[in-house]
N, C-alpha and C. Protein backbone atom coordinates (compact mmCIF):
# COMPACT_ATOMS: atom_id res chain seq x y z
N MET A 1 -10.92 5.36 15.12
CA MET A 1 -10.88 5.36 13.57
C MET A 1 -10.28 6.37 13.04
N SER A 2 -9.93 5.73 11.10
CA SER A 2 -8.94 6.13 10.46
C SER A 2 -9.65 8.00 9.98
N ILE A 3 -9.19 8.69 9.54
CA ILE A 3 -9.49 10.28 8.90
C ILE A 3 -10.16 10.16 8.24
N ALA A 4 -9.90 8.64 6.58
CA ALA A 4 -10.95 8.77 6.07
C ALA A 4 -12.80 8.36 6.33
N GLU A 5 -12.65 7.32 8.04
CA GLU A 5 -13.94 7.14 8.08
C GLU A 5 -14.50 8.17 9.23
N GLN A 6 -13.94 8.42 9.68
CA GLN A 6 -14.53 10.33 10.19
C GLN A 6 -14.83 11.19 9.81
N VAL A 7 -14.28 11.17 8.01
CA VAL A 7 -15.00 12.48 6.99
C VAL A 7 -16.10 11.63 6.86
N TYR A 8 -16.06 10.52 6.01
CA TYR A 8 -17.06 9.42 6.65
C TYR A 8 -18.92 10.42 6.85
N GLU A 9 -17.86 9.05 8.03
CA GLU A 9 -19.34 9.46 9.31
C GLU A 9 -19.97 10.81 9.34
N ALA A 10 -19.33 11.88 9.24
CA ALA A 10 -19.92 13.38 8.98
C ALA A 10 -20.70 13.53 7.93
N VAL A 11 -19.75 12.99 6.93
CA VAL A 11 -21.13 13.64 5.60
C VAL A 11 -22.20 12.65 5.26
N LYS A 12 -22.28 11.17 6.02
CA LYS A 12 -23.25 11.17 5.79
C LYS A 12 -24.66 11.39 6.27
N PRO A 13 -24.85 12.39 7.77
CA PRO A 13 -25.98 12.45 7.98
C PRO A 13 -26.56 13.72 6.11
N LEU A 14 -25.87 15.13 5.67
CA LEU A 14 -25.52 15.52 5.31
C LEU A 14 -26.82 15.58 4.02
N PRO A 15 -27.82 16.43 3.63
CA PRO A 15 -28.43 16.50 2.01
C PRO A 15 -27.82 16.10 1.09
N GLU A 16 -28.17 15.64 -0.73
CA GLU A 16 -27.25 15.42 -0.85
C GLU A 16 -26.55 16.77 -1.70
N PRO A 17 -27.25 17.60 -1.80
CA PRO A 17 -26.52 19.29 -1.87
C PRO A 17 -25.21 19.58 -1.30
N LEU A 18 -25.37 19.19 0.04
CA LEU A 18 -24.33 19.97 0.80
C LEU A 18 -23.25 17.77 0.57
N ALA A 19 -23.74 17.10 0.53
CA ALA A 19 -22.42 15.94 0.44
C ALA A 19 -22.18 16.44 -1.06
N LEU A 20 -22.14 15.96 -1.85
CA LEU A 20 -22.19 16.84 -3.14
C LEU A 20 -20.58 17.51 -2.86
N GLU A 21 -20.98 19.44 -2.63
CA GLU A 21 -20.13 19.88 -2.58
C GLU A 21 -19.43 19.25 -1.70
N ALA A 22 -19.35 18.86 -0.72
CA ALA A 22 -17.65 17.92 0.01
C ALA A 22 -17.28 17.41 -0.64
N LEU A 23 -18.16 16.51 -1.70
CA LEU A 23 -17.42 15.94 -2.39
C LEU A 23 -15.73 16.26 -3.57
N HIS A 24 -17.00 17.59 -3.83
CA HIS A 24 -16.38 18.11 -5.16
C HIS A 24 -15.34 18.72 -4.47
N PHE A 25 -15.32 19.50 -2.53
CA PHE A 25 -14.14 19.67 -2.21
C PHE A 25 -12.89 18.50 -1.80
N VAL A 26 -13.55 17.20 -1.55
CA VAL A 26 -11.73 16.67 -1.71
C VAL A 26 -11.25 16.90 -2.86
N GLU A 27 -11.91 16.21 -4.12
CA GLU A 27 -11.37 16.30 -5.26
C GLU A 27 -10.86 17.76 -5.46
N TYR A 28 -11.02 18.58 -4.84
CA TYR A 28 -9.93 19.62 -4.65
C TYR A 28 -8.45 19.80 -4.47
N LEU A 29 -8.88 19.21 -3.66
CA LEU A 29 -7.74 18.91 -2.58
C LEU A 29 -7.32 18.05 -3.71
N SER A 30 -7.30 17.01 -4.13
CA SER A 30 -6.51 15.99 -4.66
C SER A 30 -6.42 16.42 -5.43
N SER A 31 -6.57 17.02 -6.35
CA SER A 31 -6.39 17.54 -7.33
C SER A 31 -5.31 18.70 -6.94
N LYS A 32 -5.16 19.72 -6.19
CA LYS A 32 -4.32 20.20 -5.52
C LYS A 32 -2.77 19.68 -5.98
N THR A 33 -2.92 18.62 -4.37
CA THR A 33 -1.63 17.77 -4.47
C THR A 33 -0.99 16.69 -5.23
N SER A 34 -2.10 16.78 -6.51
CA SER A 34 -1.09 16.30 -8.01
C SER A 34 -0.78 17.25 -8.46
N ASP A 35 -1.10 18.90 -8.44
CA ASP A 35 -0.91 19.74 -9.41
C ASP A 35 0.43 20.04 -8.92
N ARG A 36 0.37 20.20 -7.25
CA ARG A 36 2.13 20.20 -6.89
C ARG A 36 2.83 18.91 -6.69
N VAL A 37 2.51 18.04 -6.79
CA VAL A 37 3.55 17.00 -7.70
C VAL A 37 3.94 16.96 -8.84
N GLU A 38 3.03 17.21 -9.77
CA GLU A 38 3.47 17.64 -10.66
C GLU A 38 4.27 18.96 -11.49
N MET A 39 4.60 19.44 -10.86
CA MET A 39 5.05 21.10 -10.28
C MET A 39 6.33 20.66 -10.50
N THR A 40 6.24 19.76 -9.14
CA THR A 40 7.57 19.45 -8.75
C THR A 40 8.66 18.17 -9.78
N ASP A 41 8.99 17.61 -9.86
CA ASP A 41 8.80 16.68 -10.65
C ASP A 41 8.94 18.10 -12.12
N LEU A 42 8.32 18.66 -13.10
CA LEU A 42 8.67 19.84 -13.84
C LEU A 42 9.81 19.92 -13.65
N ILE A 43 9.90 20.46 -12.47
CA ILE A 43 11.23 21.64 -12.20
C ILE A 43 12.20 20.75 -11.98
N GLN A 44 12.42 19.99 -11.05
CA GLN A 44 13.29 19.18 -11.07
C GLN A 44 13.93 18.09 -12.55
N ALA A 45 12.88 18.36 -13.30
CA ALA A 45 12.89 18.26 -15.01
C ALA A 45 14.09 19.18 -15.50
N GLN A 46 13.27 20.49 -15.45
CA GLN A 46 14.33 20.97 -15.69
C GLN A 46 15.70 22.27 -15.45
N GLU A 47 15.94 21.91 -14.51
CA GLU A 47 17.33 22.11 -13.60
C GLU A 47 18.24 21.89 -14.08
N GLN A 48 18.47 20.50 -14.22
CA GLN A 48 20.20 20.23 -15.20
C GLN A 48 19.38 21.05 -16.41
N VAL A 49 18.61 21.50 -17.17
CA VAL A 49 18.93 21.25 -18.14
C VAL A 49 19.05 23.25 -18.56
N MET A 50 18.61 23.92 -17.17
CA MET A 50 18.78 25.51 -16.68
C MET A 50 20.61 25.61 -15.62
N LEU A 51 21.19 24.55 -15.48
CA LEU A 51 22.49 24.88 -15.02
C LEU A 51 23.81 25.21 -15.60
N HIS A 52 23.70 25.56 -17.19
CA HIS A 52 24.58 25.87 -17.97
C HIS A 52 24.24 27.66 -17.85
N VAL A 53 22.80 27.58 -17.52
CA VAL A 53 22.10 29.28 -17.73
C VAL A 53 22.71 30.07 -16.44
N TRP A 54 22.57 29.34 -15.29
CA TRP A 54 22.26 29.72 -13.99
C TRP A 54 23.64 29.51 -12.78
N ASP A 55 24.63 28.43 -13.43
CA ASP A 55 25.34 28.78 -13.00
C ASP A 55 27.30 29.15 -13.38
N ASN A 56 27.01 29.93 -14.81
CA ASN A 56 27.93 30.68 -15.16
C ASN A 56 28.93 32.13 -15.19
N PRO A 57 30.01 32.43 -15.22
CA PRO A 57 30.41 33.44 -14.46
C PRO A 57 29.78 34.88 -14.78
N ASP A 58 29.28 35.20 -15.95
CA ASP A 58 28.13 36.35 -15.88
C ASP A 58 27.35 36.20 -15.23
N ASP A 59 26.97 35.29 -15.16
CA ASP A 59 25.63 34.47 -13.64
C ASP A 59 25.65 35.53 -12.14
N GLU A 60 26.81 35.68 -12.85
CA GLU A 60 27.54 35.53 -11.18
C GLU A 60 26.93 36.67 -10.86
N VAL A 61 26.92 38.17 -11.22
CA VAL A 61 26.64 39.71 -11.02
C VAL A 61 25.04 39.24 -10.11
N TRP A 62 24.07 38.31 -10.94
CA TRP A 62 22.92 38.33 -9.86
C TRP A 62 23.11 37.87 -8.60
N ASN A 63 23.78 36.85 -8.55
CA ASN A 63 24.08 36.18 -7.06
C ASN A 63 23.29 36.83 -5.84
N ASP A 64 23.55 38.18 -5.94
CA ASP A 64 24.02 39.01 -4.53
C ASP A 64 23.18 40.06 -4.68
N VAL A 65 22.05 40.09 -5.66
CA VAL A 65 20.75 41.21 -6.10
C VAL A 65 19.60 40.88 -4.66
N LYS A 66 19.56 41.54 -4.25
CA LYS A 66 18.53 42.05 -3.20
C LYS A 66 17.14 41.72 -3.66
N THR A 67 16.63 41.17 -3.39
CA THR A 67 14.89 40.81 -3.86
C THR A 67 14.10 41.12 -3.05
N PHE A 68 12.52 41.79 -3.19
CA PHE A 68 11.58 42.34 -2.24
C PHE A 68 10.52 41.38 -2.60
């Protein structure tokens, strides 16, 4: 039995309000995943544009700064 089928079987006997809450939670998890994909795409798109800012002789002094 797949995970999706197991989730379905676990939710089937729940009363409607709890089933709705489970649905909202699953939708929340899905949105978190899509947000991460969008953020990764945005970071990759900005990386090429920012290389001249991050990788230049004036910026080298910041390479060894300790972060907390």
